[in-house]
């Protein structure tokens, strides 16, 4: 099974565009494309989990802690979170 991804509103669109151009078969979806643009972070995580997508974010500070409580609630049953600072940004 190939991994699927959901990029939240904090994820750089430039990166998504580059990956989609280079690897068009990758299953990437943005928060906006998923109809989640006005949703809270926890709801975005739940939607990603429900649709078996790994969440992508640059919001390391907020999402890492939120994801930790989310996986506790889900008993560890979630595809995951990839959180990475934007280049040049520090926590």
PDB file of N, CA and C in Angstrom:
ATOM      1  N   UNK A   1       0.837  -1.174   0.000  1.00  0.00           N
ATOM      2  CA  UNK A   1       0.000   0.000   0.000  1.00  0.00           C
ATOM      3  C   UNK A   1       0.891   1.250   0.000  1.00  0.00           C
ATOM      4  N   UNK A   2       0.592   2.165  -0.857  1.00  0.00           N
ATOM      5  CA  UNK A   2       1.357   3.403  -0.983  1.00  0.00           C
ATOM      6  C   UNK A   2       0.863   4.437   0.022  1.00  0.00           C
ATOM      7  N   UNK A   3       1.790   5.168   0.619  1.00  0.00           N
ATOM      8  CA  UNK A   3       1.434   6.192   1.604  1.00  0.00           C
ATOM      9  C   UNK A   3       0.662   7.330   0.944  1.00  0.00           C
ATOM     10  N   UNK A   4      -0.296   7.872   1.697  1.00  0.00           N
ATOM     11  CA  UNK A   4      -1.067   9.040   1.267  1.00  0.00           C
ATOM     12  C   UNK A   4      -0.789  10.150   2.273  1.00  0.00           C
ATOM     13  N   UNK A   5      -0.840  11.395   1.813  1.00  0.00           N
ATOM     14  CA  UNK A   5      -0.468  12.522   2.653  1.00  0.00           C
ATOM     15  C   UNK A   5      -1.518  13.622   2.620  1.00  0.00           C
ATOM     16  N   UNK A   6      -1.658  14.309   3.763  1.00  0.00           N
ATOM     17  CA  UNK A   6      -2.507  15.496   3.864  1.00  0.00           C
ATOM     18  C   UNK A   6      -1.649  16.624   4.422  1.00  0.00           C
ATOM     19  N   UNK A   7      -1.439  17.660   3.625  1.00  0.00           N
ATOM     20  CA  UNK A   7      -0.636  18.809   4.047  1.00  0.00           C
ATOM     21  C   UNK A   7      -1.540  19.850   4.689  1.00  0.00           C
ATOM     22  N   UNK A   8      -1.206  20.238   5.912  1.00  0.00           N
ATOM     23  CA  UNK A   8      -2.029  21.245   6.587  1.00  0.00           C
ATOM     24  C   UNK A   8      -1.727  22.640   6.042  1.00  0.00           C
ATOM     25  N   UNK A   9      -2.445  23.631   6.551  1.00  0.00           N
ATOM     26  CA  UNK A   9      -2.332  25.005   6.054  1.00  0.00           C
ATOM     27  C   UNK A   9      -0.945  25.597   6.272  1.00  0.00           C
ATOM     28  N   UNK A  10      -0.164  25.047   7.193  1.00  0.00           N
ATOM     29  CA  UNK A  10       1.175  25.562   7.476  1.00  0.00           C
ATOM     30  C   UNK A  10       2.255  24.975   6.570  1.00  0.00           C
ATOM     31  N   UNK A  11       1.900  23.964   5.800  1.00  0.00           N
ATOM     32  CA  UNK A  11       2.900  23.314   4.956  1.00  0.00           C
ATOM     33  C   UNK A  11       3.134  24.147   3.698  1.00  0.00           C
ATOM     34  N   UNK A  12       4.393  24.300   3.323  1.00  0.00           N
ATOM     35  CA  UNK A  12       4.740  25.157   2.190  1.00  0.00           C
ATOM     36  C   UNK A  12       4.230  24.597   0.863  1.00  0.00           C
ATOM     37  N   UNK A  13       3.439  25.409   0.190  1.00  0.00           N
ATOM     38  CA  UNK A  13       2.856  25.033  -1.094  1.00  0.00           C
ATOM     39  C   UNK A  13       3.945  24.785  -2.140  1.00  0.00           C
ATOM     40  N   UNK A  14       5.046  25.496  -2.040  1.00  0.00           N
ATOM     41  CA  UNK A  14       6.156  25.325  -2.987  1.00  0.00           C
ATOM     42  C   UNK A  14       6.674  23.891  -2.950  1.00  0.00           C
ATOM     43  N   UNK A  15       6.773  23.328  -1.762  1.00  0.00           N
ATOM     44  CA  UNK A  15       7.241  21.945  -1.622  1.00  0.00           C
ATOM     45  C   UNK A  15       6.244  20.986  -2.259  1.00  0.00           C
ATOM     46  N   UNK A  16       4.956  21.182  -1.969  1.00  0.00           N
ATOM     47  CA  UNK A  16       3.928  20.318  -2.557  1.00  0.00           C
ATOM     48  C   UNK A  16       3.953  20.386  -4.075  1.00  0.00           C
ATOM     49  N   UNK A  17       4.048  21.576  -4.610  1.00  0.00           N
ATOM     50  CA  UNK A  17       4.081  21.744  -6.065  1.00  0.00           C
ATOM     51  C   UNK A  17       5.268  21.017  -6.673  1.00  0.00           C
ATOM     52  N   UNK A  18       6.428  21.139  -6.039  1.00  0.00           N
ATOM     53  CA  UNK A  18       7.633  20.480  -6.545  1.00  0.00           C
ATOM     54  C   UNK A  18       7.493  18.963  -6.505  1.00  0.00           C
ATOM     55  N   UNK A  19       6.966  18.436  -5.411  1.00  0.00           N
ATOM     56  CA  UNK A  19       6.799  16.981  -5.292  1.00  0.00           C
ATOM     57  C   UNK A  19       5.782  16.482  -6.309  1.00  0.00           C
ATOM     58  N   UNK A  20       4.677  17.198  -6.464  1.00  0.00           N
ATOM     59  CA  UNK A  20       3.652  16.779  -7.432  1.00  0.00           C
ATOM     60  C   UNK A  20       4.202  16.784  -8.856  1.00  0.00           C
ATOM     61  N   UNK A  21       5.050  17.760  -9.172  1.00  0.00           N
ATOM     62  CA  UNK A  21       5.664  17.813 -10.503  1.00  0.00           C
ATOM     63  C   UNK A  21       6.630  16.654 -10.709  1.00  0.00           C
ATOM     64  N   UNK A  22       7.419  16.394  -9.683  1.00  0.00           N
ATOM     65  CA  UNK A  22       8.463  15.369  -9.794  1.00  0.00           C
ATOM     66  C   UNK A  22       7.906  13.952  -9.650  1.00  0.00           C
ATOM     67  N   UNK A  23       6.929  13.785  -8.779  1.00  0.00           N
ATOM     68  CA  UNK A  23       6.344  12.465  -8.496  1.00  0.00           C
ATOM     69  C   UNK A  23       4.822  12.555  -8.604  1.00  0.00           C
ATOM     70  N   UNK A  24       4.280  12.650  -9.814  1.00  0.00           N
ATOM     71  CA  UNK A  24       2.837  12.853  -9.974  1.00  0.00           C
ATOM     72  C   UNK A  24       1.970  11.712  -9.426  1.00  0.00           C
ATOM     73  N   UNK A  25       2.554  10.550  -9.198  1.00  0.00           N
ATOM     74  CA  UNK A  25       1.776   9.431  -8.664  1.00  0.00           C
ATOM     75  C   UNK A  25       1.619   9.482  -7.147  1.00  0.00           C
ATOM     76  N   UNK A  26       2.377  10.352  -6.470  1.00  0.00           N
ATOM     77  CA  UNK A  26       2.222  10.480  -5.018  1.00  0.00           C
ATOM     78  C   UNK A  26       0.837  11.031  -4.721  1.00  0.00           C
ATOM     79  N   UNK A  27       0.230  10.521  -3.684  1.00  0.00           N
ATOM     80  CA  UNK A  27      -1.118  10.944  -3.307  1.00  0.00           C
ATOM     81  C   UNK A  27      -1.028  12.028  -2.229  1.00  0.00           C
ATOM     82  N   UNK A  28      -0.879  13.271  -2.668  1.00  0.00           N
ATOM     83  CA  UNK A  28      -0.831  14.424  -1.773  1.00  0.00           C
ATOM     84  C   UNK A  28      -2.141  15.179  -1.879  1.00  0.00           C
ATOM     85  N   UNK A  29      -2.630  15.628  -0.743  1.00  0.00           N
ATOM     86  CA  UNK A  29      -3.828  16.451  -0.717  1.00  0.00           C
ATOM     87  C   UNK A  29      -3.571  17.602   0.253  1.00  0.00           C
ATOM     88  N   UNK A  30      -4.011  18.791  -0.108  1.00  0.00           N
ATOM     89  CA  UNK A  30      -3.877  19.917   0.808  1.00  0.00           C
ATOM     90  C   UNK A  30      -5.118  19.998   1.690  1.00  0.00           C
ATOM     91  N   UNK A  31      -4.977  20.713   2.777  1.00  0.00           N
ATOM     92  CA  UNK A  31      -6.105  20.948   3.676  1.00  0.00           C
ATOM     93  C   UNK A  31      -7.257  21.584   2.893  1.00  0.00           C
ATOM     94  N   UNK A  32      -6.925  22.510   2.018  1.00  0.00           N
ATOM     95  CA  UNK A  32      -7.938  23.189   1.205  1.00  0.00           C
ATOM     96  C   UNK A  32      -8.633  22.203   0.261  1.00  0.00           C
ATOM     97  N   UNK A  33      -7.853  21.371  -0.433  1.00  0.00           N
ATOM     98  CA  UNK A  33      -8.425  20.385  -1.359  1.00  0.00           C
ATOM     99  C   UNK A  33      -9.340  19.399  -0.640  1.00  0.00           C
ATOM    100  N   UNK A  34      -9.037  19.125   0.622  1.00  0.00           N
ATOM    101  CA  UNK A  34      -9.840  18.182   1.410  1.00  0.00           C
ATOM    102  C   UNK A  34     -11.075  18.843   2.024  1.00  0.00           C
ATOM    103  N   UNK A  35     -11.246  20.148   1.792  1.00  0.00           N
ATOM    104  CA  UNK A  35     -12.385  20.861   2.358  1.00  0.00           C
ATOM    105  C   UNK A  35     -12.231  21.147   3.841  1.00  0.00           C
ATOM    106  N   UNK A  36     -10.987  21.237   4.306  1.00  0.00           N
ATOM    107  CA  UNK A  36     -10.713  21.405   5.736  1.00  0.00           C
ATOM    108  C   UNK A  36     -10.093  22.763   6.066  1.00  0.00           C
ATOM    109  N   UNK A  37     -10.181  23.715   5.158  1.00  0.00           N
ATOM    110  CA  UNK A  37      -9.479  24.994   5.315  1.00  0.00           C
ATOM    111  C   UNK A  37      -9.847  25.748   6.588  1.00  0.00           C
ATOM    112  N   UNK A  38     -11.065  25.654   7.047  1.00  0.00           N
ATOM    113  CA  UNK A  38     -11.492  26.405   8.235  1.00  0.00           C
ATOM    114  C   UNK A  38     -11.600  25.540   9.487  1.00  0.00           C
ATOM    115  N   UNK A  39     -11.029  24.350   9.444  1.00  0.00           N
ATOM    116  CA  UNK A  39     -11.147  23.423  10.562  1.00  0.00           C
ATOM    117  C   UNK A  39     -10.001  23.617  11.556  1.00  0.00           C
ATOM    118  N   UNK A  40     -10.240  23.221  12.789  1.00  0.00           N
ATOM    119  CA  UNK A  40      -9.213  23.250  13.834  1.00  0.00           C
ATOM    120  C   UNK A  40      -8.193  22.140  13.565  1.00  0.00           C
ATOM    121  N   UNK A  41      -6.986  22.300  14.103  1.00  0.00           N
ATOM    122  CA  UNK A  41      -5.910  21.324  13.890  1.00  0.00           C
ATOM    123  C   UNK A  41      -6.319  19.904  14.274  1.00  0.00           C
ATOM    124  N   UNK A  42      -7.000  19.745  15.395  1.00  0.00           N
ATOM    125  CA  UNK A  42      -7.415  18.414  15.843  1.00  0.00           C
ATOM    126  C   UNK A  42      -8.358  17.761  14.822  1.00  0.00           C
ATOM    127  N   UNK A  43      -9.237  18.558  14.230  1.00  0.00           N
ATOM    128  CA  UNK A  43     -10.162  18.027  13.223  1.00  0.00           C
ATOM    129  C   UNK A  43      -9.417  17.636  11.949  1.00  0.00           C
ATOM    130  N   UNK A  44      -8.388  18.384  11.611  1.00  0.00           N
ATOM    131  CA  UNK A  44      -7.570  18.049  10.442  1.00  0.00           C
ATOM    132  C   UNK A  44      -6.833  16.730  10.686  1.00  0.00           C
ATOM    133  N   UNK A  45      -6.280  16.563  11.884  1.00  0.00           N
ATOM    134  CA  UNK A  45      -5.621  15.297  12.234  1.00  0.00           C
ATOM    135  C   UNK A  45      -6.604  14.131  12.162  1.00  0.00           C
ATOM    136  N   UNK A  46      -7.805  14.336  12.677  1.00  0.00           N
ATOM    137  CA  UNK A  46      -8.821  13.275  12.661  1.00  0.00           C
ATOM    138  C   UNK A  46      -9.204  12.912  11.233  1.00  0.00           C
ATOM    139  N   UNK A  47      -9.366  13.912  10.388  1.00  0.00           N
ATOM    140  CA  UNK A  47      -9.713  13.653   8.992  1.00  0.00           C
ATOM    141  C   UNK A  47      -8.592  12.901   8.278  1.00  0.00           C
ATOM    142  N   UNK A  48      -7.353  13.320   8.511  1.00  0.00           N
ATOM    143  CA  UNK A  48      -6.209  12.632   7.904  1.00  0.00           C
ATOM    144  C   UNK A  48      -6.167  11.174   8.356  1.00  0.00           C
ATOM    145  N   UNK A  49      -6.368  10.963   9.638  1.00  0.00           N
ATOM    146  CA  UNK A  49      -6.348   9.610  10.182  1.00  0.00           C
ATOM    147  C   UNK A  49      -7.468   8.762   9.583  1.00  0.00           C
ATOM    148  N   UNK A  50      -8.662   9.343   9.512  1.00  0.00           N
ATOM    149  CA  UNK A  50      -9.825   8.624   8.976  1.00  0.00           C
ATOM    150  C   UNK A  50      -9.608   8.231   7.508  1.00  0.00           C
ATOM    151  N   UNK A  51      -8.942   9.100   6.750  1.00  0.00           N
ATOM    152  CA  UNK A  51      -8.699   8.798   5.340  1.00  0.00           C
ATOM    153  C   UNK A  51      -7.330   8.148   5.114  1.00  0.00           C
ATOM    154  N   UNK A  52      -6.722   7.694   6.225  1.00  0.00           N
ATOM    155  CA  UNK A  52      -5.452   6.968   6.191  1.00  0.00           C
ATOM    156  C   UNK A  52      -4.341   7.756   5.506  1.00  0.00           C
ATOM    157  N   UNK A  53      -4.245   9.033   5.875  1.00  0.00           N
ATOM    158  CA  UNK A  53      -3.214   9.911   5.332  1.00  0.00           C
ATOM    159  C   UNK A  53      -2.254  10.336   6.435  1.00  0.00           C
ATOM    160  N   UNK A  54      -0.990  10.413   6.110  1.00  0.00           N
ATOM    161  CA  UNK A  54       0.015  10.964   7.009  1.00  0.00           C
ATOM    162  C   UNK A  54      -0.135  12.483   6.960  1.00  0.00           C
ATOM    163  N   UNK A  55      -0.206  13.120   8.117  1.00  0.00           N
ATOM    164  CA  UNK A  55      -0.315  14.579   8.182  1.00  0.00           C
ATOM    165  C   UNK A  55       1.057  15.210   7.997  1.00  0.00           C
ATOM    166  N   UNK A  56       1.115  16.257   7.186  1.00  0.00           N
ATOM    167  CA  UNK A  56       2.347  17.005   6.950  1.00  0.00           C
ATOM    168  C   UNK A  56       2.173  18.423   7.471  1.00  0.00           C
ATOM    169  N   UNK A  57       3.168  18.934   8.185  1.00  0.00           N
ATOM    170  CA  UNK A  57       3.085  20.292   8.719  1.00  0.00           C
ATOM    171  C   UNK A  57       4.466  20.882   8.934  1.00  0.00           C
ATOM    172  N   UNK A  58       4.513  22.204   8.955  1.00  0.00           N
ATOM    173  CA  UNK A  58       5.714  22.920   9.376  1.00  0.00           C
ATOM    174  C   UNK A  58       5.487  23.520  10.758  1.00  0.00           C
ATOM    175  N   UNK A  59       4.318  23.311  11.330  1.00  0.00           N
ATOM    176  CA  UNK A  59       3.974  23.845  12.654  1.00  0.00           C
ATOM    177  C   UNK A  59       4.417  22.857  13.727  1.00  0.00           C
ATOM    178  N   UNK A  60       5.723  22.750  13.895  1.00  0.00           N
ATOM    179  CA  UNK A  60       6.296  21.769  14.818  1.00  0.00           C
ATOM    180  C   UNK A  60       5.856  22.031  16.251  1.00  0.00           C
ATOM    181  N   UNK A  61       5.896  23.269  16.652  1.00  0.00           N
ATOM    182  CA  UNK A  61       5.609  23.637  18.041  1.00  0.00           C
ATOM    183  C   UNK A  61       4.207  23.187  18.485  1.00  0.00           C
ATOM    184  N   UNK A  62       3.202  23.489  17.705  1.00  0.00           N
ATOM    185  CA  UNK A  62       1.822  23.169  18.079  1.00  0.00           C
ATOM    186  C   UNK A  62       1.454  21.720  17.782  1.00  0.00           C
ATOM    187  N   UNK A  63       1.761  21.276  16.567  1.00  0.00           N
ATOM    188  CA  UNK A  63       1.255  19.984  16.103  1.00  0.00           C
ATOM    189  C   UNK A  63       1.901  18.781  16.782  1.00  0.00           C
ATOM    190  N   UNK A  64       3.154  18.859  17.141  1.00  0.00           N
ATOM    191  CA  UNK A  64       3.799  17.714  17.792  1.00  0.00           C
ATOM    192  C   UNK A  64       3.106  17.380  19.108  1.00  0.00           C
ATOM    193  N   UNK A  65       2.829  18.394  19.899  1.00  0.00           N
ATOM    194  CA  UNK A  65       2.151  18.171  21.181  1.00  0.00           C
ATOM    195  C   UNK A  65       0.701  17.727  20.967  1.00  0.00           C
ATOM    196  N   UNK A  66       0.023  18.356  20.031  1.00  0.00           N
ATOM    197  CA  UNK A  66      -1.358  17.991  19.736  1.00  0.00           C
ATOM    198  C   UNK A  66      -1.438  16.554  19.220  1.00  0.00           C
ATOM    199  N   UNK A  67      -0.487  16.176  18.366  1.00  0.00           N
ATOM    200  CA  UNK A  67      -0.480  14.826  17.817  1.00  0.00           C
ATOM    201  C   UNK A  67      -0.243  13.787  18.905  1.00  0.00           C
ATOM    202  N   UNK A  68       0.604  14.103  19.868  1.00  0.00           N
ATOM    203  CA  UNK A  68       0.860  13.173  20.975  1.00  0.00           C
ATOM    204  C   UNK A  68      -0.430  12.859  21.725  1.00  0.00           C
ATOM    205  N   UNK A  69      -1.232  13.866  22.013  1.00  0.00           N
ATOM    206  CA  UNK A  69      -2.501  13.606  22.707  1.00  0.00           C
ATOM    207  C   UNK A  69      -3.491  12.914  21.777  1.00  0.00           C
ATOM    208  N   UNK A  70      -3.439  13.240  20.488  1.00  0.00           N
ATOM    209  CA  UNK A  70      -4.338  12.616  19.515  1.00  0.00           C
ATOM    210  C   UNK A  70      -4.079  11.114  19.414  1.00  0.00           C
ATOM    211  N   UNK A  71      -2.813  10.696  19.339  1.00  0.00           N
ATOM    212  CA  UNK A  71      -2.547   9.255  19.217  1.00  0.00           C
ATOM    213  C   UNK A  71      -2.896   8.511  20.502  1.00  0.00           C
ATOM    214  N   UNK A  72      -2.805   9.189  21.634  1.00  0.00           N
ATOM    215  CA  UNK A  72      -3.268   8.567  22.883  1.00  0.00           C
ATOM    216  C   UNK A  72      -4.753   8.265  22.796  1.00  0.00           C
ATOM    217  N   UNK A  73      -5.518   9.235  22.324  1.00  0.00           N
ATOM    218  CA  UNK A  73      -6.967   9.065  22.177  1.00  0.00           C
ATOM    219  C   UNK A  73      -7.298   7.964  21.175  1.00  0.00           C
ATOM    220  N   UNK A  74      -6.467   7.816  20.154  1.00  0.00           N
ATOM    221  CA  UNK A  74      -6.702   6.829  19.095  1.00  0.00           C
ATOM    222  C   UNK A  74      -6.046   5.484  19.399  1.00  0.00           C
ATOM    223  N   UNK A  75      -5.468   5.344  20.578  1.00  0.00           N
ATOM    224  CA  UNK A  75      -4.734   4.130  20.950  1.00  0.00           C
ATOM    225  C   UNK A  75      -3.647   3.787  19.934  1.00  0.00           C
ATOM    226  N   UNK A  76      -2.999   4.828  19.425  1.00  0.00           N
ATOM    227  CA  UNK A  76      -1.891   4.627  18.497  1.00  0.00           C
ATOM    228  C   UNK A  76      -2.293   4.325  17.073  1.00  0.00           C
ATOM    229  N   UNK A  77      -3.588   4.233  16.795  1.00  0.00           N
ATOM    230  CA  UNK A  77      -4.061   3.868  15.460  1.00  0.00           C
ATOM    231  C   UNK A  77      -4.206   5.109  14.576  1.00  0.00           C
ATOM    232  N   UNK A  78      -3.112   5.529  13.986  1.00  0.00           N
ATOM    233  CA  UNK A  78      -3.117   6.670  13.066  1.00  0.00           C
ATOM    234  C   UNK A  78      -1.939   6.538  12.110  1.00  0.00           C
ATOM    235  N   UNK A  79      -2.097   6.981  10.869  1.00  0.00           N
ATOM    236  CA  UNK A  79      -1.006   6.853   9.904  1.00  0.00           C
ATOM    237  C   UNK A  79       0.248   7.640  10.261  1.00  0.00           C
ATOM    238  N   UNK A  80       0.103   8.730  11.010  1.00  0.00           N
ATOM    239  CA  UNK A  80       1.293   9.444  11.452  1.00  0.00           C
ATOM    240  C   UNK A  80       1.294  10.923  11.145  1.00  0.00           C
ATOM    241  N   UNK A  81       2.367  11.556  11.616  1.00  0.00           N
ATOM    242  CA  UNK A  81       2.579  12.988  11.435  1.00  0.00           C
ATOM    243  C   UNK A  81       4.030  13.199  11.050  1.00  0.00           C
ATOM    244  N   UNK A  82       4.247  13.989  10.029  1.00  0.00           N
ATOM    245  CA  UNK A  82       5.596  14.411   9.654  1.00  0.00           C
ATOM    246  C   UNK A  82       5.640  15.912   9.874  1.00  0.00           C
ATOM    247  N   UNK A  83       6.364  16.319  10.903  1.00  0.00           N
ATOM    248  CA  UNK A  83       6.474  17.736  11.241  1.00  0.00           C
ATOM    249  C   UNK A  83       7.920  18.168  11.080  1.00  0.00           C
ATOM    250  N   UNK A  84       8.121  19.214  10.330  1.00  0.00           N
ATOM    251  CA  UNK A  84       9.477  19.709  10.101  1.00  0.00           C
ATOM    252  C   UNK A  84       9.440  21.226  10.048  1.00  0.00           C
ATOM    253  N   UNK A  85      10.398  21.835  10.740  1.00  0.00           N
ATOM    254  CA  UNK A  85      10.506  23.293  10.713  1.00  0.00           C
ATOM    255  C   UNK A  85      10.755  23.771   9.295  1.00  0.00           C
ATOM    256  N   UNK A  86      10.304  24.972   9.020  1.00  0.00           N
ATOM    257  CA  UNK A  86      10.673  25.599   7.754  1.00  0.00           C
ATOM    258  C   UNK A  86      12.163  25.893   7.800  1.00  0.00           C
ATOM    259  N   UNK A  87      12.800  25.862   6.667  1.00  0.00           N
ATOM    260  CA  UNK A  87      14.234  26.125   6.601  1.00  0.00           C
ATOM    261  C   UNK A  87      14.528  27.507   7.176  1.00  0.00           C
ATOM    262  N   UNK A  88      15.501  27.555   8.080  1.00  0.00           N
ATOM    263  CA  UNK A  88      15.892  28.807   8.695  1.00  0.00           C
ATOM    264  C   UNK A  88      15.073  29.182   9.909  1.00  0.00           C
ATOM    265  N   UNK A  89      14.068  28.394  10.246  1.00  0.00           N
ATOM    266  CA  UNK A  89      13.203  28.675  11.389  1.00  0.00           C
ATOM    267  C   UNK A  89      13.656  27.829  12.570  1.00  0.00           C
ATOM    268  N   UNK A  90      13.604  28.373  13.759  1.00  0.00           N
ATOM    269  CA  UNK A  90      13.931  27.602  14.951  1.00  0.00           C
ATOM    270  C   UNK A  90      12.764  27.631  15.909  1.00  0.00           C
ATOM    271  N   UNK A  91      12.684  26.595  16.715  1.00  0.00           N
ATOM    272  CA  UNK A  91      11.581  26.493  17.678  1.00  0.00           C
ATOM    273  C   UNK A  91      11.918  27.299  18.903  1.00  0.00           C
TER     274      UNK A  91
END
